[in-house]
C-alpha atoms as a PDB file:
ATOM      1  CA  UNK A   1       0.000   0.000   0.000  1.00  0.00           C
ATOM      2  CA  UNK A   2       1.131   3.503  -0.755  1.00  0.00           C
ATOM      3  CA  UNK A   3       1.886   4.836   2.738  1.00  0.00           C
ATOM      4  CA  UNK A   4       0.672   8.286   1.706  1.00  0.00           C
ATOM      5  CA  UNK A   5      -2.714   6.805   0.750  1.00  0.00           C
ATOM      6  CA  UNK A   6      -3.040   4.792   3.955  1.00  0.00           C
ATOM      7  CA  UNK A   7      -1.934   7.619   6.220  1.00  0.00           C
ATOM      8  CA  UNK A   8      -4.333  10.032   4.532  1.00  0.00           C
ATOM      9  CA  UNK A   9      -7.263   7.689   5.069  1.00  0.00           C
ATOM     10  CA  UNK A  10      -6.209   6.889   8.635  1.00  0.00           C
ATOM     11  CA  UNK A  11      -6.490  10.576   9.435  1.00  0.00           C
ATOM     12  CA  UNK A  12     -10.228  10.032   9.177  1.00  0.00           C
ATOM     13  CA  UNK A  13     -10.583   6.995  11.450  1.00  0.00           C
ATOM     14  CA  UNK A  14     -14.310   6.568  10.784  1.00  0.00           C
ATOM     15  CA  UNK A  15     -13.805   6.323   7.018  1.00  0.00           C
ATOM     16  CA  UNK A  16     -10.786   4.030   7.412  1.00  0.00           C
ATOM     17  CA  UNK A  17     -12.673   1.660   9.707  1.00  0.00           C
ATOM     18  CA  UNK A  18     -15.637   1.494   7.356  1.00  0.00           C
ATOM     19  CA  UNK A  19     -13.486   0.833   4.304  1.00  0.00           C
ATOM     20  CA  UNK A  20     -11.455  -1.787   6.180  1.00  0.00           C
ATOM     21  CA  UNK A  21     -14.417  -3.815   7.391  1.00  0.00           C
ATOM     22  CA  UNK A  22     -17.251  -3.112   4.985  1.00  0.00           C
ATOM     23  CA  UNK A  23     -18.930  -6.328   3.880  1.00  0.00           C
ATOM     24  CA  UNK A  24     -20.794  -5.138   0.810  1.00  0.00           C
ATOM     25  CA  UNK A  25     -17.619  -4.727  -1.233  1.00  0.00           C
ATOM     26  CA  UNK A  26     -17.466  -8.014  -3.161  1.00  0.00           C
ATOM     27  CA  UNK A  27     -14.359 -10.189  -2.900  1.00  0.00           C
ATOM     28  CA  UNK A  28     -12.042 -10.627  -5.825  1.00  0.00           C
ATOM     29  CA  UNK A  29     -13.988 -12.613  -8.458  1.00  0.00           C
ATOM     30  CA  UNK A  30     -13.011 -16.289  -8.654  1.00  0.00           C
ATOM     31  CA  UNK A  31     -12.443 -16.102 -12.414  1.00  0.00           C
ATOM     32  CA  UNK A  32      -9.519 -13.734 -11.818  1.00  0.00           C
ATOM     33  CA  UNK A  33      -7.824 -16.342  -9.646  1.00  0.00           C
ATOM     34  CA  UNK A  34      -8.467 -19.047 -12.240  1.00  0.00           C
ATOM     35  CA  UNK A  35      -7.092 -16.926 -15.086  1.00  0.00           C
ATOM     36  CA  UNK A  36      -4.038 -15.865 -13.080  1.00  0.00           C
ATOM     37  CA  UNK A  37      -3.253 -19.481 -12.145  1.00  0.00           C
ATOM     38  CA  UNK A  38      -3.593 -20.655 -15.751  1.00  0.00           C
ATOM     39  CA  UNK A  39      -1.371 -17.889 -17.098  1.00  0.00           C
ATOM     40  CA  UNK A  40       1.235 -18.760 -14.485  1.00  0.00           C
ATOM     41  CA  UNK A  41       1.302 -22.350 -15.749  1.00  0.00           C
ATOM     42  CA  UNK A  42       3.719 -22.829 -18.692  1.00  0.00           C
ATOM     43  CA  UNK A  43       1.561 -25.698 -19.986  1.00  0.00           C
ATOM     44  CA  UNK A  44      -1.451 -23.445 -20.508  1.00  0.00           C
ATOM     45  CA  UNK A  45      -2.536 -22.809 -24.093  1.00  0.00           C
ATOM     46  CA  UNK A  46      -5.112 -20.484 -25.664  1.00  0.00           C
ATOM     47  CA  UNK A  47      -7.772 -23.218 -25.747  1.00  0.00           C
ATOM     48  CA  UNK A  48      -7.512 -23.893 -21.983  1.00  0.00           C
ATOM     49  CA  UNK A  49      -7.605 -20.218 -21.122  1.00  0.00           C
ATOM     50  CA  UNK A  50     -10.489 -19.609 -23.511  1.00  0.00           C
ATOM     51  CA  UNK A  51     -12.488 -22.422 -21.913  1.00  0.00           C
ATOM     52  CA  UNK A  52     -12.206 -20.804 -18.482  1.00  0.00           C
ATOM     53  CA  UNK A  53     -13.104 -17.321 -19.717  1.00  0.00           C
ATOM     54  CA  UNK A  54     -16.018 -18.708 -21.741  1.00  0.00           C
ATOM     55  CA  UNK A  55     -17.748 -19.647 -18.482  1.00  0.00           C
ATOM     56  CA  UNK A  56     -18.695 -15.983 -18.278  1.00  0.00           C
ATOM     57  CA  UNK A  57     -20.302 -14.969 -21.568  1.00  0.00           C
ATOM     58  CA  UNK A  58     -20.707 -11.396 -20.388  1.00  0.00           C
ATOM     59  CA  UNK A  59     -16.954 -11.218 -19.910  1.00  0.00           C
ATOM     60  CA  UNK A  60     -16.365 -12.778 -23.339  1.00  0.00           C
ATOM     61  CA  UNK A  61     -18.521 -10.091 -24.962  1.00  0.00           C
ATOM     62  CA  UNK A  62     -16.618  -7.332 -23.173  1.00  0.00           C
ATOM     63  CA  UNK A  63     -13.213  -8.760 -24.128  1.00  0.00           C
ATOM     64  CA  UNK A  64     -14.251  -9.003 -27.781  1.00  0.00           C
ATOM     65  CA  UNK A  65     -15.542  -5.420 -27.631  1.00  0.00           C
ATOM     66  CA  UNK A  66     -12.150  -4.264 -26.342  1.00  0.00           C
ATOM     67  CA  UNK A  67     -10.247  -6.369 -28.889  1.00  0.00           C
ATOM     68  CA  UNK A  68     -12.258  -4.880 -31.759  1.00  0.00           C
ATOM     69  CA  UNK A  69     -11.858  -1.328 -30.499  1.00  0.00           C
ATOM     70  CA  UNK A  70     -10.676   1.211 -33.119  1.00  0.00           C
ATOM     71  CA  UNK A  71      -8.196   2.516 -30.549  1.00  0.00           C
ATOM     72  CA  UNK A  72      -6.739  -0.982 -30.249  1.00  0.00           C
ATOM     73  CA  UNK A  73      -5.984  -0.949 -33.940  1.00  0.00           C
ATOM     74  CA  UNK A  74      -6.160  -4.691 -34.702  1.00  0.00           C
ATOM     75  CA  UNK A  75      -6.665  -4.927 -38.501  1.00  0.00           C
ATOM     76  CA  UNK A  76      -8.702  -8.175 -38.497  1.00  0.00           C
ATOM     77  CA  UNK A  77     -12.017  -8.606 -36.743  1.00  0.00           C
ATOM     78  CA  UNK A  78     -11.680 -10.664 -33.555  1.00  0.00           C
ATOM     79  CA  UNK A  79     -14.758 -12.899 -33.351  1.00  0.00           C
ATOM     80  CA  UNK A  80     -13.742 -15.625 -30.852  1.00  0.00           C
ATOM     81  CA  UNK A  81     -12.158 -15.587 -27.426  1.00  0.00           C
ATOM     82  CA  UNK A  82      -9.429 -18.029 -28.572  1.00  0.00           C
ATOM     83  CA  UNK A  83      -8.418 -15.659 -31.359  1.00  0.00           C
ATOM     84  CA  UNK A  84      -8.495 -12.725 -28.929  1.00  0.00           C
ATOM     85  CA  UNK A  85      -6.063 -14.583 -26.669  1.00  0.00           C
ATOM     86  CA  UNK A  86      -3.717 -15.305 -29.579  1.00  0.00           C
ATOM     87  CA  UNK A  87      -3.838 -11.729 -30.874  1.00  0.00           C
ATOM     88  CA  UNK A  88      -3.641  -9.924 -27.531  1.00  0.00           C
ATOM     89  CA  UNK A  89      -1.422 -12.337 -25.612  1.00  0.00           C
ATOM     90  CA  UNK A  90      -1.865 -13.993 -22.216  1.00  0.00           C
ATOM     91  CA  UNK A  91      -0.712 -11.075 -20.086  1.00  0.00           C
ATOM     92  CA  UNK A  92      -2.947  -8.569 -21.825  1.00  0.00           C
ATOM     93  CA  UNK A  93      -5.935 -10.901 -21.521  1.00  0.00           C
ATOM     94  CA  UNK A  94      -5.167 -11.201 -17.804  1.00  0.00           C
ATOM     95  CA  UNK A  95      -5.103  -7.408 -17.446  1.00  0.00           C
ATOM     96  CA  UNK A  96      -8.418  -7.079 -19.266  1.00  0.00           C
ATOM     97  CA  UNK A  97     -10.048  -9.858 -17.213  1.00  0.00           C
ATOM     98  CA  UNK A  98      -8.870  -8.313 -13.945  1.00  0.00           C
ATOM     99  CA  UNK A  99     -10.092  -4.831 -14.803  1.00  0.00           C
ATOM    100  CA  UNK A 100     -13.449  -5.870 -16.294  1.00  0.00           C
ATOM    101  CA  UNK A 101     -14.196  -8.310 -13.475  1.00  0.00           C
ATOM    102  CA  UNK A 102     -13.434  -5.694 -10.834  1.00  0.00           C
ATOM    103  CA  UNK A 103     -15.721  -3.202 -12.504  1.00  0.00           C
ATOM    104  CA  UNK A 104     -18.487  -5.805 -12.739  1.00  0.00           C
ATOM    105  CA  UNK A 105     -18.326  -6.597  -9.001  1.00  0.00           C
ATOM    106  CA  UNK A 106     -19.162  -2.998  -8.124  1.00  0.00           C
ATOM    107  CA  UNK A 107     -21.742  -2.366 -10.808  1.00  0.00           C
ATOM    108  CA  UNK A 108     -24.761  -0.359  -9.686  1.00  0.00           C
ATOM    109  CA  UNK A 109     -27.787  -2.339 -10.866  1.00  0.00           C
ATOM    110  CA  UNK A 110     -31.258  -0.892 -11.283  1.00  0.00           C
ATOM    111  CA  UNK A 111     -30.311   2.514  -9.894  1.00  0.00           C
ATOM    112  CA  UNK A 112     -31.162   5.435 -12.138  1.00  0.00           C
ATOM    113  CA  UNK A 113     -29.704   8.043  -9.775  1.00  0.00           C
ATOM    114  CA  UNK A 114     -26.119   7.160 -10.674  1.00  0.00           C
ATOM    115  CA  UNK A 115     -25.087   8.012 -14.280  1.00  0.00           C
ATOM    116  CA  UNK A 116     -23.883   4.467 -14.828  1.00  0.00           C
ATOM    117  CA  UNK A 117     -23.797   4.414 -18.625  1.00  0.00           C
ATOM    118  CA  UNK A 118     -21.662   7.557 -18.791  1.00  0.00           C
ATOM    119  CA  UNK A 119     -19.436   6.239 -16.006  1.00  0.00           C
ATOM    120  CA  UNK A 120     -18.767   2.934 -17.785  1.00  0.00           C
ATOM    121  CA  UNK A 121     -18.295   4.639 -21.136  1.00  0.00           C
ATOM    122  CA  UNK A 122     -15.771   7.036 -19.620  1.00  0.00           C
ATOM    123  CA  UNK A 123     -13.903   4.253 -17.847  1.00  0.00           C
ATOM    124  CA  UNK A 124     -13.628   2.052 -20.931  1.00  0.00           C
ATOM    125  CA  UNK A 125     -12.592   4.854 -23.275  1.00  0.00           C
ATOM    126  CA  UNK A 126      -9.986   6.080 -20.771  1.00  0.00           C
ATOM    127  CA  UNK A 127      -8.619   2.524 -20.452  1.00  0.00           C
ATOM    128  CA  UNK A 128      -8.314   1.811 -24.156  1.00  0.00           C
ATOM    129  CA  UNK A 129      -7.010   5.299 -24.933  1.00  0.00           C
ATOM    130  CA  UNK A 130      -4.367   5.058 -22.194  1.00  0.00           C
ATOM    131  CA  UNK A 131      -3.150   1.763 -23.617  1.00  0.00           C
ATOM    132  CA  UNK A 132      -3.081   3.107 -27.184  1.00  0.00           C
ATOM    133  CA  UNK A 133      -1.157   6.231 -26.128  1.00  0.00           C
ATOM    134  CA  UNK A 134       1.286   4.082 -24.135  1.00  0.00           C
ATOM    135  CA  UNK A 135       1.909   1.951 -27.233  1.00  0.00           C
ATOM    136  CA  UNK A 136       2.228   4.989 -29.506  1.00  0.00           C
ATOM    137  CA  UNK A 137       4.759   6.610 -27.178  1.00  0.00           C
ATOM    138  CA  UNK A 138       6.735   3.380 -26.818  1.00  0.00           C
ATOM    139  CA  UNK A 139       6.044   2.624 -23.163  1.00  0.00           C
ATOM    140  CA  UNK A 140       6.141  -0.981 -21.993  1.00  0.00           C
ATOM    141  CA  UNK A 141       3.317  -0.540 -19.484  1.00  0.00           C
ATOM    142  CA  UNK A 142       0.387  -0.589 -21.898  1.00  0.00           C
ATOM    143  CA  UNK A 143      -1.262  -3.570 -20.167  1.00  0.00           C
ATOM    144  CA  UNK A 144      -1.153  -1.854 -16.793  1.00  0.00           C
ATOM    145  CA  UNK A 145      -2.328   1.338 -18.489  1.00  0.00           C
ATOM    146  CA  UNK A 146      -5.529  -0.451 -19.517  1.00  0.00           C
ATOM    147  CA  UNK A 147      -6.151  -1.814 -16.015  1.00  0.00           C
ATOM    148  CA  UNK A 148      -5.416   1.486 -14.263  1.00  0.00           C
ATOM    149  CA  UNK A 149      -7.421   3.401 -16.863  1.00  0.00           C
ATOM    150  CA  UNK A 150     -10.494   1.256 -16.385  1.00  0.00           C
ATOM    151  CA  UNK A 151     -10.284   1.410 -12.584  1.00  0.00           C
ATOM    152  CA  UNK A 152      -9.088   5.016 -12.151  1.00  0.00           C
ATOM    153  CA  UNK A 153     -12.491   6.318 -10.982  1.00  0.00           C
ATOM    154  CA  UNK A 154     -13.361   3.224  -8.953  1.00  0.00           C
ATOM    155  CA  UNK A 155     -13.517   5.389  -5.834  1.00  0.00           C
ATOM    156  CA  UNK A 156     -16.481   7.385  -7.185  1.00  0.00           C
ATOM    157  CA  UNK A 157     -18.571   4.245  -7.509  1.00  0.00           C
ATOM    158  CA  UNK A 158     -17.537   3.084  -4.036  1.00  0.00           C
ATOM    159  CA  UNK A 159     -18.450   6.447  -2.508  1.00  0.00           C
ATOM    160  CA  UNK A 160     -21.865   6.198  -4.156  1.00  0.00           C
ATOM    161  CA  UNK A 161     -22.479   2.657  -2.904  1.00  0.00           C
ATOM    162  CA  UNK A 162     -21.057   2.938   0.611  1.00  0.00           C
ATOM    163  CA  UNK A 163     -21.289   6.638   1.482  1.00  0.00           C
ATOM    164  CA  UNK A 164     -24.476   7.473  -0.372  1.00  0.00           C
ATOM    165  CA  UNK A 165     -25.483  10.355   1.912  1.00  0.00           C
ATOM    166  CA  UNK A 166     -22.045  11.919   1.522  1.00  0.00           C
ATOM    167  CA  UNK A 167     -22.214  11.331  -2.238  1.00  0.00           C
ATOM    168  CA  UNK A 168     -25.417  13.377  -2.391  1.00  0.00           C
ATOM    169  CA  UNK A 169     -23.825  16.099  -0.271  1.00  0.00           C
ATOM    170  CA  UNK A 170     -20.780  16.134  -2.584  1.00  0.00           C
ATOM    171  CA  UNK A 171     -22.888  16.633  -5.706  1.00  0.00           C
ATOM    172  CA  UNK A 172     -25.046  19.249  -3.961  1.00  0.00           C
ATOM    173  CA  UNK A 173     -21.931  21.088  -2.762  1.00  0.00           C
ATOM    174  CA  UNK A 174     -20.494  21.183  -6.280  1.00  0.00           C
ATOM    175  CA  UNK A 175     -23.726  22.594  -7.701  1.00  0.00           C
ATOM    176  CA  UNK A 176     -24.260  25.112  -4.902  1.00  0.00           C
ATOM    177  CA  UNK A 177     -20.698  26.386  -4.423  1.00  0.00           C
ATOM    178  CA  UNK A 178     -19.348  25.847  -7.953  1.00  0.00           C
ATOM    179  CA  UNK A 179     -16.281  24.012  -6.664  1.00  0.00           C
ATOM    180  CA  UNK A 180     -14.349  21.004  -7.974  1.00  0.00           C
ATOM    181  CA  UNK A 181     -15.503  17.514  -7.067  1.00  0.00           C
ATOM    182  CA  UNK A 182     -12.174  16.736  -5.390  1.00  0.00           C
ATOM    183  CA  UNK A 183     -12.625  19.762  -3.142  1.00  0.00           C
ATOM    184  CA  UNK A 184     -16.203  18.753  -2.339  1.00  0.00           C
ATOM    185  CA  UNK A 185     -15.061  15.204  -1.505  1.00  0.00           C
ATOM    186  CA  UNK A 186     -12.496  16.564   0.936  1.00  0.00           C
ATOM    187  CA  UNK A 187     -15.149  18.802   2.464  1.00  0.00           C
ATOM    188  CA  UNK A 188     -17.750  16.067   2.959  1.00  0.00           C
ATOM    189  CA  UNK A 189     -15.629  12.930   3.443  1.00  0.00           C
ATOM    190  CA  UNK A 190     -12.183  14.123   4.403  1.00  0.00           C
ATOM    191  CA  UNK A 191     -10.723  12.021   1.570  1.00  0.00           C
ATOM    192  CA  UNK A 192     -11.063  11.868  -2.224  1.00  0.00           C
ATOM    193  CA  UNK A 193     -12.136   9.183  -4.669  1.00  0.00           C
ATOM    194  CA  UNK A 194      -8.438   8.796  -5.559  1.00  0.00           C
ATOM    195  CA  UNK A 195      -7.641   7.699  -1.999  1.00  0.00           C
ATOM    196  CA  UNK A 196     -10.692   5.440  -1.745  1.00  0.00           C
ATOM    197  CA  UNK A 197      -9.809   3.746  -5.043  1.00  0.00           C
ATOM    198  CA  UNK A 198      -6.147   3.299  -4.119  1.00  0.00           C
ATOM    199  CA  UNK A 199      -7.116   1.831  -0.751  1.00  0.00           C
ATOM    200  CA  UNK A 200      -9.439  -0.754  -2.280  1.00  0.00           C
ATOM    201  CA  UNK A 201      -6.989  -1.795  -4.991  1.00  0.00           C
ATOM    202  CA  UNK A 202      -4.518  -2.548  -2.218  1.00  0.00           C
ATOM    203  CA  UNK A 203      -7.225  -4.349  -0.212  1.00  0.00           C
ATOM    204  CA  UNK A 204      -7.849  -6.573  -3.236  1.00  0.00           C
ATOM    205  CA  UNK A 205      -4.094  -7.307  -3.509  1.00  0.00           C
ATOM    206  CA  UNK A 206      -3.743  -5.897  -7.003  1.00  0.00           C
ATOM    207  CA  UNK A 207      -0.327  -4.526  -8.038  1.00  0.00           C
ATOM    208  CA  UNK A 208       1.027  -1.621  -6.003  1.00  0.00           C
ATOM    209  CA  UNK A 209       1.594   0.292  -9.228  1.00  0.00           C
ATOM    210  CA  UNK A 210      -2.159   0.311  -9.951  1.00  0.00           C
ATOM    211  CA  UNK A 211      -2.993   1.565  -6.444  1.00  0.00           C
ATOM    212  CA  UNK A 212      -0.350   4.309  -6.754  1.00  0.00           C
ATOM    213  CA  UNK A 213      -1.585   5.445 -10.161  1.00  0.00           C
ATOM    214  CA  UNK A 214      -5.224   5.555  -9.055  1.00  0.00           C
ATOM    215  CA  UNK A 215      -4.200   7.553  -5.995  1.00  0.00           C
ATOM    216  CA  UNK A 216      -2.351  10.072  -8.189  1.00  0.00           C
ATOM    217  CA  UNK A 217      -4.373  10.139 -11.404  1.00  0.00           C
ATOM    218  CA  UNK A 218      -5.376  13.790 -10.957  1.00  0.00           C
ATOM    219  CA  UNK A 219      -1.839  14.862 -10.013  1.00  0.00           C
ATOM    220  CA  UNK A 220       0.509  12.347 -11.668  1.00  0.00           C
ATOM    221  CA  UNK A 221       3.671  14.349 -11.034  1.00  0.00           C
ATOM    222  CA  UNK A 222       3.267  13.517  -7.323  1.00  0.00           C
ATOM    223  CA  UNK A 223       3.769   9.810  -7.985  1.00  0.00           C
ATOM    224  CA  UNK A 224       7.300   8.988  -6.904  1.00  0.00           C
ATOM    225  CA  UNK A 225       7.698   5.628  -8.652  1.00  0.00           C
ATOM    226  CA  UNK A 226       5.051   5.470 -11.382  1.00  0.00           C
ATOM    227  CA  UNK A 227       4.799   9.024 -12.716  1.00  0.00           C
ATOM    228  CA  UNK A 228       4.901   7.859 -16.362  1.00  0.00           C
ATOM    229  CA  UNK A 229       2.020   5.415 -15.931  1.00  0.00           C
ATOM    230  CA  UNK A 230       0.062   7.928 -13.842  1.00  0.00           C
ATOM    231  CA  UNK A 231       0.664  10.576 -16.528  1.00  0.00           C
ATOM    232  CA  UNK A 232      -0.668   8.276 -19.244  1.00  0.00           C
ATOM    233  CA  UNK A 233      -3.892   7.739 -17.274  1.00  0.00           C
ATOM    234  CA  UNK A 234      -4.134  11.448 -16.464  1.00  0.00           C
ATOM    235  CA  UNK A 235      -3.711  12.376 -20.120  1.00  0.00           C
ATOM    236  CA  UNK A 236      -6.266   9.858 -21.396  1.00  0.00           C
ATOM    237  CA  UNK A 237      -8.686  10.959 -18.678  1.00  0.00           C
ATOM    238  CA  UNK A 238      -8.205  14.621 -19.606  1.00  0.00           C
ATOM    239  CA  UNK A 239      -8.600  13.878 -23.308  1.00  0.00           C
ATOM    240  CA  UNK A 240     -12.143  12.604 -22.788  1.00  0.00           C
ATOM    241  CA  UNK A 241     -12.976  16.035 -21.370  1.00  0.00           C
ATOM    242  CA  UNK A 242     -10.955  18.026 -23.912  1.00  0.00           C
ATOM    243  CA  UNK A 243     -12.480  16.179 -26.875  1.00  0.00           C
ATOM    244  CA  UNK A 244     -15.928  15.889 -25.243  1.00  0.00           C
ATOM    245  CA  UNK A 245     -15.969  12.170 -26.029  1.00  0.00           C
ATOM    246  CA  UNK A 246     -16.641   9.723 -23.206  1.00  0.00           C
ATOM    247  CA  UNK A 247     -16.258  12.484 -20.632  1.00  0.00           C
ATOM    248  CA  UNK A 248     -17.737  12.160 -17.131  1.00  0.00           C
ATOM    249  CA  UNK A 249     -19.236  14.924 -15.010  1.00  0.00           C
ATOM    250  CA  UNK A 250     -16.762  14.318 -12.163  1.00  0.00           C
ATOM    251  CA  UNK A 251     -13.992  15.649 -14.435  1.00  0.00           C
ATOM    252  CA  UNK A 252     -15.793  18.837 -15.486  1.00  0.00           C
ATOM    253  CA  UNK A 253     -13.657  20.966 -13.191  1.00  0.00           C
ATOM    254  CA  UNK A 254     -10.443  18.946 -13.463  1.00  0.00           C
ATOM    255  CA  UNK A 255      -7.288  20.554 -14.829  1.00  0.00           C
ATOM    256  CA  UNK A 256      -4.322  19.212 -16.755  1.00  0.00           C
ATOM    257  CA  UNK A 257      -1.103  18.655 -14.819  1.00  0.00           C
ATOM    258  CA  UNK A 258       1.335  20.257 -17.265  1.00  0.00           C
ATOM    259  CA  UNK A 259       4.211  18.385 -15.664  1.00  0.00           C
ATOM    260  CA  UNK A 260       3.192  15.451 -17.867  1.00  0.00           C
ATOM    261  CA  UNK A 261       4.782  17.306 -20.809  1.00  0.00           C
ATOM    262  CA  UNK A 262       8.230  16.641 -19.367  1.00  0.00           C
ATOM    263  CA  UNK A 263       7.333  13.267 -17.864  1.00  0.00           C
ATOM    264  CA  UNK A 264       6.057  11.899 -21.181  1.00  0.00           C
ATOM    265  CA  UNK A 265       8.488  13.944 -23.309  1.00  0.00           C
ATOM    266  CA  UNK A 266       5.734  15.704 -25.250  1.00  0.00           C
ATOM    267  CA  UNK A 267       7.698  18.839 -26.178  1.00  0.00           C
ATOM    268  CA  UNK A 268       5.608  21.837 -25.180  1.00  0.00           C
ATOM    269  CA  UNK A 269       1.983  22.901 -24.682  1.00  0.00           C
ATOM    270  CA  UNK A 270       1.408  23.477 -28.391  1.00  0.00           C
ATOM    271  CA  UNK A 271       2.735  20.025 -29.261  1.00  0.00           C
ATOM    272  CA  UNK A 272       0.559  18.480 -26.524  1.00  0.00           C
ATOM    273  CA  UNK A 273      -2.519  20.274 -27.875  1.00  0.00           C
ATOM    274  CA  UNK A 274      -1.883  18.922 -31.375  1.00  0.00           C
ATOM    275  CA  UNK A 275      -1.127  15.489 -29.950  1.00  0.00           C
ATOM    276  CA  UNK A 276      -4.490  15.403 -28.167  1.00  0.00           C
ATOM    277  CA  UNK A 277      -6.507  16.442 -31.219  1.00  0.00           C
ATOM    278  CA  UNK A 278      -4.697  13.914 -33.408  1.00  0.00           C
ATOM    279  CA  UNK A 279      -6.746  11.249 -31.558  1.00  0.00           C
ATOM    280  CA  UNK A 280     -10.145  12.857 -32.113  1.00  0.00           C
ATOM    281  CA  UNK A 281     -11.223  10.629 -35.015  1.00  0.00           C
ATOM    282  CA  UNK A 282     -10.180   7.502 -33.101  1.00  0.00           C
ATOM    283  CA  UNK A 283     -12.123   8.653 -30.053  1.00  0.00           C
ATOM    284  CA  UNK A 284     -15.187   9.301 -32.221  1.00  0.00           C
ATOM    285  CA  UNK A 285     -14.932   5.844 -33.761  1.00  0.00           C
ATOM    286  CA  UNK A 286     -14.445   4.304 -30.338  1.00  0.00           C
ATOM    287  CA  UNK A 287     -17.586   5.906 -28.960  1.00  0.00           C
ATOM    288  CA  UNK A 288     -19.666   4.458 -31.792  1.00  0.00           C
ATOM    289  CA  UNK A 289     -18.461   0.875 -31.277  1.00  0.00           C
ATOM    290  CA  UNK A 290     -18.802   0.491 -27.512  1.00  0.00           C
ATOM    291  CA  UNK A 291     -21.939  -1.280 -26.338  1.00  0.00           C
ATOM    292  CA  UNK A 292     -22.727  -1.070 -22.646  1.00  0.00           C
END
């Protein structure tokens, strides 16, 4: 666990105790354990892995949607899970399974008060865009970029499910006082969705890098060990707002951490602006192909 994250949450003992013991946060899905064990076995082949994943047809559909994403850039249509495994590779399939399964465990069902469709759309577009940008810039962390991108706003969903009264106060505070959501979270909860998300990723024993990136996705330059990965998520997240494609209301007042220009070696602000708009057509295409 990022000690900064844990210490920050421990400052509010009530919140820390609730997050540590809450029972309505589902455990890590069993399919993740099965997939991880198979991938760790050198005798595993695509057929064996596909058989396990095929137990969950909803997951199969989501993986095929990701594989056929315009931002992914695979030239041939991926129509079967076995082909997806061959094309994407075992590790990438594992990253996708982990991220999608985690999101599914916390899905808000039958609740029209939470903008679920926009939330899922934003999460998926951020994930795929972060991976594509990582690949385009030559970073080796594209698999983790997908996972962190999909889970970066996990804390918002958790706040809604567990701290529903505070969630309502946060949204009311934003509307009434015209302040940023992060500021309203601090005011009503004493912590932000970044800290809540980072805490839960650690609780679920996912990689420390993912917890760190989620904790710092609004201020990636503060990440001591994973600033490049955090910057990739921050940039993809900001691009949904800048391009008005897959954006989410929680980011309406967010700002770009310009330190990512140096971290990601993107030249200057003008180059970054052009870089962002060079993805507009891909983002548009992506929006039209995602089915939630």
